[in-house]
Amino acid sequence: MKGLVEVIAKSLVDHPEDVVVTEKESNGVVVVELRVAPDDMGKVIGKQGRIAKAIRTVVKAASSTGKKKIVVDILQ
């Protein structure tokens, strides 16, 4: 999932070199943290959070075969 989030985020932002994606797992929950440059935060979140919701939906669909819950956090 880390790679999927990274590809999506890099295609959205103006500074793809500042995109950092980390993946942590605990108690059957995988947390994917996405960090972007402050200037690109609005592009990743989108109007009323539509792009952020779409990213989460794509990740959820891609992980539907697995038994672990995946959470995408967008951090500054």
Protein backbone atom coordinates (compact mmCIF):
# COMPACT_ATOMS: atom_id res chain seq x y z
CA MET A 1 0.00 0.00 0.00
CA LYS A 2 2.94 2.28 0.65
CA GLY A 3 3.89 2.26 -3.02
CA LEU A 4 0.33 2.90 -4.18
CA VAL A 5 -0.08 5.95 -1.92
CA GLU A 6 3.32 7.26 -2.99
CA VAL A 7 2.52 7.02 -6.71
CA ILE A 8 -0.84 8.73 -6.27
CA ALA A 9 0.59 11.53 -4.13
CA LYS A 10 3.57 12.21 -6.41
CA SER A 11 1.24 12.59 -9.38
CA LEU A 12 -0.82 15.22 -7.55
CA VAL A 13 1.80 17.55 -6.06
CA ASP A 14 4.16 20.20 -7.43
CA HIS A 15 7.11 18.96 -5.33
CA PRO A 16 7.18 15.16 -5.70
CA GLU A 17 10.62 14.99 -4.10
CA ASP A 18 9.07 16.09 -0.78
CA VAL A 19 6.57 13.22 -0.66
CA VAL A 20 7.34 10.81 2.19
CA VAL A 21 5.24 7.72 2.86
CA THR A 22 5.77 5.54 5.92
CA GLU A 23 3.95 2.41 6.94
CA LYS A 24 3.45 1.22 10.53
CA GLU A 25 1.62 -1.84 11.78
CA SER A 26 0.16 -2.60 15.18
CA ASN A 27 -2.65 -4.87 16.35
CA GLY A 28 -3.69 -5.85 12.83
CA VAL A 29 -4.03 -2.22 11.69
CA VAL A 30 -1.66 -0.81 9.10
CA VAL A 31 -1.24 2.97 9.25
CA VAL A 32 0.09 4.61 6.09
CA GLU A 33 1.35 8.12 6.82
CA LEU A 34 1.64 10.56 3.92
CA ARG A 35 3.73 13.71 4.33
CA VAL A 36 3.91 16.40 1.66
CA ALA A 37 5.31 19.92 1.39
CA PRO A 38 3.13 22.57 3.06
CA ASP A 39 2.43 24.17 -0.34
CA ASP A 40 1.05 20.88 -1.66
CA MET A 41 -1.23 20.11 1.27
CA GLY A 42 -4.31 21.57 -0.43
CA LYS A 43 -3.69 19.54 -3.58
CA VAL A 44 -3.60 16.28 -1.65
CA ILE A 45 -6.66 17.09 0.46
CA GLY A 46 -8.74 18.74 -2.26
CA LYS A 47 -11.90 20.79 -1.93
CA GLN A 48 -13.92 19.56 1.04
CA GLY A 49 -11.50 16.62 1.37
CA ARG A 50 -12.59 14.94 -1.86
CA ILE A 51 -9.12 13.91 -3.03
CA ALA A 52 -8.13 12.63 0.42
CA LYS A 53 -11.33 10.59 0.53
CA ALA A 54 -10.63 9.24 -2.97
CA ILE A 55 -7.10 8.19 -1.95
CA ARG A 56 -8.52 6.37 1.07
CA THR A 57 -11.17 4.69 -1.10
CA VAL A 58 -8.59 3.45 -3.62
CA VAL A 59 -6.37 2.08 -0.83
CA LYS A 60 -9.35 0.38 0.81
CA ALA A 61 -10.35 -1.22 -2.50
CA ALA A 62 -6.78 -2.38 -3.16
CA SER A 63 -6.54 -3.95 0.29
CA SER A 64 -9.95 -5.60 0.29
CA THR A 65 -8.43 -9.05 -0.18
CA GLY A 66 -6.29 -8.71 2.96
CA LYS A 67 -7.54 -9.19 6.49
CA LYS A 68 -5.77 -6.15 7.91
CA LYS A 69 -7.41 -2.77 8.24
CA ILE A 70 -5.51 0.01 6.48
CA VAL A 71 -5.72 3.65 7.57
CA VAL A 72 -4.27 6.53 5.53
CA ASP A 73 -3.18 9.59 7.52
CA ILE A 74 -2.18 12.80 5.75
CA LEU A 75 0.34 14.75 7.82
CA GLN A 76 2.12 18.02 7.32
